[in-house]
Amino acid sequence: MARSECDVIDFSALERELQGAVESERRHQRENDAKLRAISQRGSSYSQFRDLVLTCHLKPLEKKDKDGAPRKQPWNPVAPSNEP
């Protein structure tokens, strides 16, 4: 029995498809959790609900991320800097 081209499994394509499916499931779960949290906050408007769901992928900065890191954008670009 001869093997045809369609019988060969492309494992790299299969891996990419699996990674896409896993990421899609993670996104769905993250958004669903954000929706449930937003609903539990009574009195919020639809725009607040939408903003919570749209930003559910963001994570808060840790203290080590903020301390000692050089600023890329100064607060006032017109003011003279203290650096020599």
PDB file of N, CA and C in Angstrom:
ATOM      1  N   MET A   1       0.852  -1.169   0.000  1.00  0.00           N
ATOM      2  CA  MET A   1       0.000   0.000   0.000  1.00  0.00           C
ATOM      3  C   MET A   1       0.897   1.229   0.000  1.00  0.00           C
ATOM      4  N   ALA A   2       0.751   2.098  -0.961  1.00  0.00           N
ATOM      5  CA  ALA A   2       1.599   3.280  -1.108  1.00  0.00           C
ATOM      6  C   ALA A   2       1.035   4.435  -0.282  1.00  0.00           C
ATOM      7  N   ARG A   3       1.977   5.222   0.306  1.00  0.00           N
ATOM      8  CA  ARG A   3       1.568   6.407   1.084  1.00  0.00           C
ATOM      9  C   ARG A   3       1.443   7.596   0.144  1.00  0.00           C
ATOM     10  N   SER A   4       0.406   8.321   0.298  1.00  0.00           N
ATOM     11  CA  SER A   4       0.226   9.503  -0.532  1.00  0.00           C
ATOM     12  C   SER A   4       0.675  10.740   0.241  1.00  0.00           C
ATOM     13  N   GLU A   5       0.748  11.871  -0.432  1.00  0.00           N
ATOM     14  CA  GLU A   5       1.161  13.139   0.179  1.00  0.00           C
ATOM     15  C   GLU A   5       0.243  13.553   1.320  1.00  0.00           C
ATOM     16  N   CYS A   6      -1.032  13.271   1.217  1.00  0.00           N
ATOM     17  CA  CYS A   6      -1.977  13.704   2.246  1.00  0.00           C
ATOM     18  C   CYS A   6      -1.890  12.844   3.514  1.00  0.00           C
ATOM     19  N   ASP A   7      -1.189  11.709   3.468  1.00  0.00           N
ATOM     20  CA  ASP A   7      -1.034  10.861   4.641  1.00  0.00           C
ATOM     21  C   ASP A   7       0.084  11.340   5.561  1.00  0.00           C
ATOM     22  N   VAL A   8       0.949  12.241   5.084  1.00  0.00           N
ATOM     23  CA  VAL A   8       2.077  12.721   5.872  1.00  0.00           C
ATOM     24  C   VAL A   8       1.598  13.811   6.821  1.00  0.00           C
ATOM     25  N   ILE A   9       1.978  13.694   8.089  1.00  0.00           N
ATOM     26  CA  ILE A   9       1.565  14.668   9.105  1.00  0.00           C
ATOM     27  C   ILE A   9       2.619  15.757   9.212  1.00  0.00           C
ATOM     28  N   ASP A  10       2.201  16.997   9.101  1.00  0.00           N
ATOM     29  CA  ASP A  10       3.100  18.140   9.268  1.00  0.00           C
ATOM     30  C   ASP A  10       3.038  18.565  10.737  1.00  0.00           C
ATOM     31  N   PHE A  11       4.035  18.105  11.510  1.00  0.00           N
ATOM     32  CA  PHE A  11       4.005  18.334  12.949  1.00  0.00           C
ATOM     33  C   PHE A  11       4.196  19.803  13.311  1.00  0.00           C
ATOM     34  N   SER A  12       4.946  20.551  12.517  1.00  0.00           N
ATOM     35  CA  SER A  12       5.133  21.972  12.827  1.00  0.00           C
ATOM     36  C   SER A  12       3.822  22.742  12.635  1.00  0.00           C
ATOM     37  N   ALA A  13       3.068  22.401  11.592  1.00  0.00           N
ATOM     38  CA  ALA A  13       1.762  23.040  11.390  1.00  0.00           C
ATOM     39  C   ALA A  13       0.791  22.632  12.492  1.00  0.00           C
ATOM     40  N   LEU A  14       0.868  21.378  12.897  1.00  0.00           N
ATOM     41  CA  LEU A  14       0.011  20.888  13.973  1.00  0.00           C
ATOM     42  C   LEU A  14       0.328  21.603  15.284  1.00  0.00           C
ATOM     43  N   GLU A  15       1.626  21.821  15.544  1.00  0.00           N
ATOM     44  CA  GLU A  15       2.052  22.539  16.756  1.00  0.00           C
ATOM     45  C   GLU A  15       1.564  23.988  16.726  1.00  0.00           C
ATOM     46  N   ARG A  16       1.674  24.654  15.578  1.00  0.00           N
ATOM     47  CA  ARG A  16       1.185  26.043  15.458  1.00  0.00           C
ATOM     48  C   ARG A  16      -0.319  26.110  15.684  1.00  0.00           C
ATOM     49  N   GLU A  17      -1.041  25.151  15.139  1.00  0.00           N
ATOM     50  CA  GLU A  17      -2.488  25.119  15.323  1.00  0.00           C
ATOM     51  C   GLU A  17      -2.842  24.896  16.793  1.00  0.00           C
ATOM     52  N   LEU A  18      -2.119  24.017  17.457  1.00  0.00           N
ATOM     53  CA  LEU A  18      -2.352  23.760  18.871  1.00  0.00           C
ATOM     54  C   LEU A  18      -2.059  25.006  19.703  1.00  0.00           C
ATOM     55  N   GLN A  19      -0.932  25.680  19.442  1.00  0.00           N
ATOM     56  CA  GLN A  19      -0.586  26.892  20.176  1.00  0.00           C
ATOM     57  C   GLN A  19      -1.645  27.979  19.975  1.00  0.00           C
ATOM     58  N   GLY A  20      -2.156  28.102  18.763  1.00  0.00           N
ATOM     59  CA  GLY A  20      -3.221  29.065  18.492  1.00  0.00           C
ATOM     60  C   GLY A  20      -4.490  28.742  19.264  1.00  0.00           C
ATOM     61  N   ALA A  21      -4.832  27.459  19.315  1.00  0.00           N
ATOM     62  CA  ALA A  21      -6.029  27.036  20.039  1.00  0.00           C
ATOM     63  C   ALA A  21      -5.877  27.256  21.540  1.00  0.00           C
ATOM     64  N   VAL A  22      -4.686  26.982  22.076  1.00  0.00           N
ATOM     65  CA  VAL A  22      -4.439  27.189  23.508  1.00  0.00           C
ATOM     66  C   VAL A  22      -4.527  28.676  23.844  1.00  0.00           C
ATOM     67  N   GLU A  23      -3.916  29.515  23.021  1.00  0.00           N
ATOM     68  CA  GLU A  23      -3.965  30.963  23.274  1.00  0.00           C
ATOM     69  C   GLU A  23      -5.387  31.497  23.148  1.00  0.00           C
ATOM     70  N   SER A  24      -6.136  30.980  22.199  1.00  0.00           N
ATOM     71  CA  SER A  24      -7.527  31.384  22.041  1.00  0.00           C
ATOM     72  C   SER A  24      -8.343  31.016  23.277  1.00  0.00           C
ATOM     73  N   GLU A  25      -8.109  29.833  23.812  1.00  0.00           N
ATOM     74  CA  GLU A  25      -8.824  29.394  25.020  1.00  0.00           C
ATOM     75  C   GLU A  25      -8.441  30.249  26.229  1.00  0.00           C
ATOM     76  N   ARG A  26      -7.147  30.585  26.336  1.00  0.00           N
ATOM     77  CA  ARG A  26      -6.708  31.458  27.440  1.00  0.00           C
ATOM     78  C   ARG A  26      -7.373  32.828  27.341  1.00  0.00           C
ATOM     79  N   ARG A  27      -7.427  33.368  26.134  1.00  0.00           N
ATOM     80  CA  ARG A  27      -8.059  34.678  25.929  1.00  0.00           C
ATOM     81  C   ARG A  27      -9.537  34.618  26.300  1.00  0.00           C
ATOM     82  N   HIS A  28     -10.215  33.569  25.861  1.00  0.00           N
ATOM     83  CA  HIS A  28     -11.631  33.416  26.172  1.00  0.00           C
ATOM     84  C   HIS A  28     -11.846  33.353  27.688  1.00  0.00           C
ATOM     85  N   GLN A  29     -11.019  32.579  28.382  1.00  0.00           N
ATOM     86  CA  GLN A  29     -11.151  32.443  29.828  1.00  0.00           C
ATOM     87  C   GLN A  29     -10.876  33.771  30.532  1.00  0.00           C
ATOM     88  N   ARG A  30      -9.841  34.487  30.084  1.00  0.00           N
ATOM     89  CA  ARG A  30      -9.489  35.783  30.667  1.00  0.00           C
ATOM     90  C   ARG A  30     -10.635  36.787  30.491  1.00  0.00           C
ATOM     91  N   GLU A  31     -11.200  36.832  29.278  1.00  0.00           N
ATOM     92  CA  GLU A  31     -12.309  37.750  29.014  1.00  0.00           C
ATOM     93  C   GLU A  31     -13.550  37.361  29.808  1.00  0.00           C
ATOM     94  N   ASN A  32     -13.817  36.088  29.918  1.00  0.00           N
ATOM     95  CA  ASN A  32     -14.978  35.642  30.680  1.00  0.00           C
ATOM     96  C   ASN A  32     -14.835  36.015  32.161  1.00  0.00           C
ATOM     97  N   ASP A  33     -13.633  35.809  32.714  1.00  0.00           N
ATOM     98  CA  ASP A  33     -13.390  36.193  34.105  1.00  0.00           C
ATOM     99  C   ASP A  33     -13.566  37.699  34.298  1.00  0.00           C
ATOM    100  N   ALA A  34     -13.089  38.481  33.324  1.00  0.00           N
ATOM    101  CA  ALA A  34     -13.237  39.933  33.409  1.00  0.00           C
ATOM    102  C   ALA A  34     -14.710  40.332  33.341  1.00  0.00           C
ATOM    103  N   LYS A  35     -15.479  39.659  32.533  1.00  0.00           N
ATOM    104  CA  LYS A  35     -16.916  39.946  32.439  1.00  0.00           C
ATOM    105  C   LYS A  35     -17.610  39.653  33.762  1.00  0.00           C
ATOM    106  N   LEU A  36     -17.264  38.522  34.366  1.00  0.00           N
ATOM    107  CA  LEU A  36     -17.884  38.183  35.645  1.00  0.00           C
ATOM    108  C   LEU A  36     -17.501  39.185  36.738  1.00  0.00           C
ATOM    109  N   ARG A  37     -16.235  39.628  36.742  1.00  0.00           N
ATOM    110  CA  ARG A  37     -15.823  40.647  37.713  1.00  0.00           C
ATOM    111  C   ARG A  37     -16.554  41.960  37.468  1.00  0.00           C
ATOM    112  N   ALA A  38     -16.698  42.343  36.201  1.00  0.00           N
ATOM    113  CA  ALA A  38     -17.365  43.599  35.870  1.00  0.00           C
ATOM    114  C   ALA A  38     -18.842  43.559  36.251  1.00  0.00           C
ATOM    115  N   ILE A  39     -19.483  42.425  36.071  1.00  0.00           N
ATOM    116  CA  ILE A  39     -20.900  42.301  36.421  1.00  0.00           C
ATOM    117  C   ILE A  39     -21.078  42.380  37.931  1.00  0.00           C
ATOM    118  N   SER A  40     -20.109  41.832  38.671  1.00  0.00           N
ATOM    119  CA  SER A  40     -20.238  41.861  40.132  1.00  0.00           C
ATOM    120  C   SER A  40     -20.092  43.270  40.702  1.00  0.00           C
ATOM    121  N   GLN A  41     -19.536  44.187  39.927  1.00  0.00           N
ATOM    122  CA  GLN A  41     -19.423  45.589  40.355  1.00  0.00           C
ATOM    123  C   GLN A  41     -20.705  46.304  39.950  1.00  0.00           C
ATOM    124  N   ARG A  42     -21.637  46.321  40.815  1.00  0.00           N
ATOM    125  CA  ARG A  42     -22.950  46.905  40.512  1.00  0.00           C
ATOM    126  C   ARG A  42     -22.834  48.402  40.245  1.00  0.00           C
ATOM    127  N   GLY A  43     -23.663  48.887  39.364  1.00  0.00           N
ATOM    128  CA  GLY A  43     -23.731  50.313  39.095  1.00  0.00           C
ATOM    129  C   GLY A  43     -22.765  50.802  38.035  1.00  0.00           C
ATOM    130  N   SER A  44     -21.954  49.917  37.490  1.00  0.00           N
ATOM    131  CA  SER A  44     -21.040  50.381  36.461  1.00  0.00           C
ATOM    132  C   SER A  44     -21.782  50.487  35.124  1.00  0.00           C
ATOM    133  N   SER A  45     -21.347  51.416  34.319  1.00  0.00           N
ATOM    134  CA  SER A  45     -21.982  51.620  33.011  1.00  0.00           C
ATOM    135  C   SER A  45     -21.424  50.628  32.002  1.00  0.00           C
ATOM    136  N   TYR A  46     -22.035  50.609  30.829  1.00  0.00           N
ATOM    137  CA  TYR A  46     -21.561  49.704  29.792  1.00  0.00           C
ATOM    138  C   TYR A  46     -20.150  50.061  29.355  1.00  0.00           C
ATOM    139  N   SER A  47     -19.835  51.351  29.299  1.00  0.00           N
ATOM    140  CA  SER A  47     -18.499  51.753  28.870  1.00  0.00           C
ATOM    141  C   SER A  47     -17.440  51.265  29.870  1.00  0.00           C
ATOM    142  N   GLN A  48     -17.752  51.295  31.172  1.00  0.00           N
ATOM    143  CA  GLN A  48     -16.818  50.768  32.165  1.00  0.00           C
ATOM    144  C   GLN A  48     -16.689  49.251  32.022  1.00  0.00           C
ATOM    145  N   PHE A  49     -17.803  48.576  31.789  1.00  0.00           N
ATOM    146  CA  PHE A  49     -17.792  47.137  31.565  1.00  0.00           C
ATOM    147  C   PHE A  49     -16.921  46.795  30.358  1.00  0.00           C
ATOM    148  N   ARG A  50     -17.124  47.518  29.277  1.00  0.00           N
ATOM    149  CA  ARG A  50     -16.369  47.284  28.045  1.00  0.00           C
ATOM    150  C   ARG A  50     -14.881  47.531  28.258  1.00  0.00           C
ATOM    151  N   ASP A  51     -14.547  48.608  28.964  1.00  0.00           N
ATOM    152  CA  ASP A  51     -13.142  48.920  29.242  1.00  0.00           C
ATOM    153  C   ASP A  51     -12.476  47.831  30.079  1.00  0.00           C
ATOM    154  N   LEU A  52     -13.192  47.302  31.066  1.00  0.00           N
ATOM    155  CA  LEU A  52     -12.642  46.221  31.884  1.00  0.00           C
ATOM    156  C   LEU A  52     -12.365  44.972  31.050  1.00  0.00           C
ATOM    157  N   VAL A  53     -13.269  44.655  30.149  1.00  0.00           N
ATOM    158  CA  VAL A  53     -13.091  43.467  29.312  1.00  0.00           C
ATOM    159  C   VAL A  53     -11.958  43.691  28.307  1.00  0.00           C
ATOM    160  N   LEU A  54     -11.886  44.878  27.720  1.00  0.00           N
ATOM    161  CA  LEU A  54     -10.848  45.148  26.722  1.00  0.00           C
ATOM    162  C   LEU A  54      -9.450  45.202  27.325  1.00  0.00           C
ATOM    163  N   THR A  55      -9.346  45.522  28.598  1.00  0.00           N
ATOM    164  CA  THR A  55      -8.033  45.634  29.225  1.00  0.00           C
ATOM    165  C   THR A  55      -7.692  44.440  30.109  1.00  0.00           C
ATOM    166  N   CYS A  56      -8.422  43.355  29.982  1.00  0.00           N
ATOM    167  CA  CYS A  56      -8.193  42.204  30.862  1.00  0.00           C
ATOM    168  C   CYS A  56      -6.846  41.533  30.611  1.00  0.00           C
ATOM    169  N   HIS A  57      -6.221  41.761  29.474  1.00  0.00           N
ATOM    170  CA  HIS A  57      -4.926  41.141  29.193  1.00  0.00           C
ATOM    171  C   HIS A  57      -3.759  41.895  29.830  1.00  0.00           C
ATOM    172  N   LEU A  58      -4.001  43.094  30.340  1.00  0.00           N
ATOM    173  CA  LEU A  58      -2.939  43.892  30.954  1.00  0.00           C
ATOM    174  C   LEU A  58      -2.656  43.412  32.365  1.00  0.00           C
ATOM    175  N   LYS A  59      -1.390  43.481  32.742  1.00  0.00           N
ATOM    176  CA  LYS A  59      -0.992  43.097  34.101  1.00  0.00           C
ATOM    177  C   LYS A  59      -0.376  44.317  34.764  1.00  0.00           C
ATOM    178  N   PRO A  60      -0.603  44.500  36.063  1.00  0.00           N
ATOM    179  CA  PRO A  60      -0.022  45.667  36.747  1.00  0.00           C
ATOM    180  C   PRO A  60       1.498  45.556  36.816  1.00  0.00           C
ATOM    181  N   LEU A  61       2.141  46.721  36.809  1.00  0.00           N
ATOM    182  CA  LEU A  61       3.592  46.754  36.945  1.00  0.00           C
ATOM    183  C   LEU A  61       3.978  46.397  38.364  1.00  0.00           C
ATOM    184  N   GLU A  62       5.092  45.723  38.506  1.00  0.00           N
ATOM    185  CA  GLU A  62       5.617  45.436  39.828  1.00  0.00           C
ATOM    186  C   GLU A  62       6.573  46.545  40.215  1.00  0.00           C
ATOM    187  N   LYS A  63       6.877  46.635  41.494  1.00  0.00           N
ATOM    188  CA  LYS A  63       7.742  47.697  41.981  1.00  0.00           C
ATOM    189  C   LYS A  63       9.110  47.651  41.302  1.00  0.00           C
ATOM    190  N   LYS A  64       9.643  46.458  41.084  1.00  0.00           N
ATOM    191  CA  LYS A  64      10.951  46.336  40.442  1.00  0.00           C
ATOM    192  C   LYS A  64      10.924  46.831  38.997  1.00  0.00           C
ATOM    193  N   ASP A  65       9.753  46.825  38.363  1.00  0.00           N
ATOM    194  CA  ASP A  65       9.631  47.315  36.996  1.00  0.00           C
ATOM    195  C   ASP A  65       9.724  48.835  36.934  1.00  0.00           C
ATOM    196  N   LYS A  66       9.278  49.505  38.007  1.00  0.00           N
ATOM    197  CA  LYS A  66       9.232  50.960  38.011  1.00  0.00           C
ATOM    198  C   LYS A  66      10.488  51.589  38.594  1.00  0.00           C
ATOM    199  N   ASP A  67      11.050  50.999  39.637  1.00  0.00           N
ATOM    200  CA  ASP A  67      12.197  51.587  40.330  1.00  0.00           C
ATOM    201  C   ASP A  67      13.474  51.441  39.522  1.00  0.00           C
ATOM    202  N   GLY A  68      14.188  52.549  39.360  1.00  0.00           N
ATOM    203  CA  GLY A  68      15.483  52.526  38.707  1.00  0.00           C
ATOM    204  C   GLY A  68      15.441  52.441  37.197  1.00  0.00           C
ATOM    205  N   ALA A  69      14.289  52.305  36.621  1.00  0.00           N
ATOM    206  CA  ALA A  69      14.192  52.231  35.169  1.00  0.00           C
ATOM    207  C   ALA A  69      14.264  53.645  34.588  1.00  0.00           C
ATOM    208  N   PRO A  70      15.051  53.844  33.544  1.00  0.00           N
ATOM    209  CA  PRO A  70      15.115  55.186  32.957  1.00  0.00           C
ATOM    210  C   PRO A  70      13.785  55.547  32.304  1.00  0.00           C
ATOM    211  N   ARG A  71      13.421  56.786  32.435  1.00  0.00           N
ATOM    212  CA  ARG A  71      12.172  57.245  31.819  1.00  0.00           C
ATOM    213  C   ARG A  71      12.403  57.488  30.335  1.00  0.00           C
ATOM    214  N   LYS A  72      11.502  56.986  29.569  1.00  0.00           N
ATOM    215  CA  LYS A  72      11.609  57.167  28.123  1.00  0.00           C
ATOM    216  C   LYS A  72      10.965  58.482  27.694  1.00  0.00           C
ATOM    217  N   GLN A  73       9.977  58.950  28.445  1.00  0.00           N
ATOM    218  CA  GLN A  73       9.295  60.200  28.136  1.00  0.00           C
ATOM    219  C   GLN A  73       9.295  61.058  29.385  1.00  0.00           C
ATOM    220  N   PRO A  74       9.965  62.190  29.345  1.00  0.00           N
ATOM    221  CA  PRO A  74       9.950  63.066  30.525  1.00  0.00           C
ATOM    222  C   PRO A  74       8.562  63.663  30.733  1.00  0.00           C
ATOM    223  N   TRP A  75       8.275  64.026  31.973  1.00  0.00           N
ATOM    224  CA  TRP A  75       6.971  64.599  32.270  1.00  0.00           C
ATOM    225  C   TRP A  75       6.780  65.912  31.551  1.00  0.00           C
ATOM    226  N   ASN A  76       7.812  66.736  31.518  1.00  0.00           N
ATOM    227  CA  ASN A  76       7.724  68.018  30.839  1.00  0.00           C
ATOM    228  C   ASN A  76       8.924  68.121  29.890  1.00  0.00           C
ATOM    229  N   PRO A  77       8.739  67.849  28.617  1.00  0.00           N
ATOM    230  CA  PRO A  77       9.877  67.854  27.705  1.00  0.00           C
ATOM    231  C   PRO A  77      10.466  69.246  27.479  1.00  0.00           C
ATOM    232  N   VAL A  78       9.740  70.299  27.859  1.00  0.00           N
ATOM    233  CA  VAL A  78      10.231  71.661  27.656  1.00  0.00           C
ATOM    234  C   VAL A  78      11.140  72.090  28.797  1.00  0.00           C
ATOM    235  N   ALA A  79      10.933  71.538  29.984  1.00  0.00           N
ATOM    236  CA  ALA A  79      11.725  71.921  31.157  1.00  0.00           C
ATOM    237  C   ALA A  79      13.168  71.446  30.993  1.00  0.00           C
ATOM    238  N   PRO A  80      14.113  72.228  31.515  1.00  0.00           N
ATOM    239  CA  PRO A  80      15.526  71.801  31.410  1.00  0.00           C
ATOM    240  C   PRO A  80      15.759  70.571  32.280  1.00  0.00           C
ATOM    241  N   SER A  81      16.624  69.680  31.809  1.00  0.00           N
ATOM    242  CA  SER A  81      16.896  68.457  32.574  1.00  0.00           C
ATOM    243  C   SER A  81      17.989  68.717  33.589  1.00  0.00           C
ATOM    244  N   ASN A  82      18.031  67.895  34.634  1.00  0.00           N
ATOM    245  CA  ASN A  82      19.038  68.021  35.692  1.00  0.00           C
ATOM    246  C   ASN A  82      20.311  67.264  35.348  1.00  0.00           C
ATOM    247  N   GLU A  83      20.291  66.533  34.249  1.00  0.00           N
ATOM    248  CA  GLU A  83      21.458  65.759  33.864  1.00  0.00           C
ATOM    249  C   GLU A  83      22.475  66.657  33.165  1.00  0.00           C
ATOM    250  N   PRO A  84      23.787  66.406  33.381  1.00  0.00           N
ATOM    251  CA  PRO A  84      24.816  67.248  32.741  1.00  0.00           C
ATOM    252  C   PRO A  84      24.921  67.035  31.261  1.00  0.00           C
TER     253      PRO A  84
END
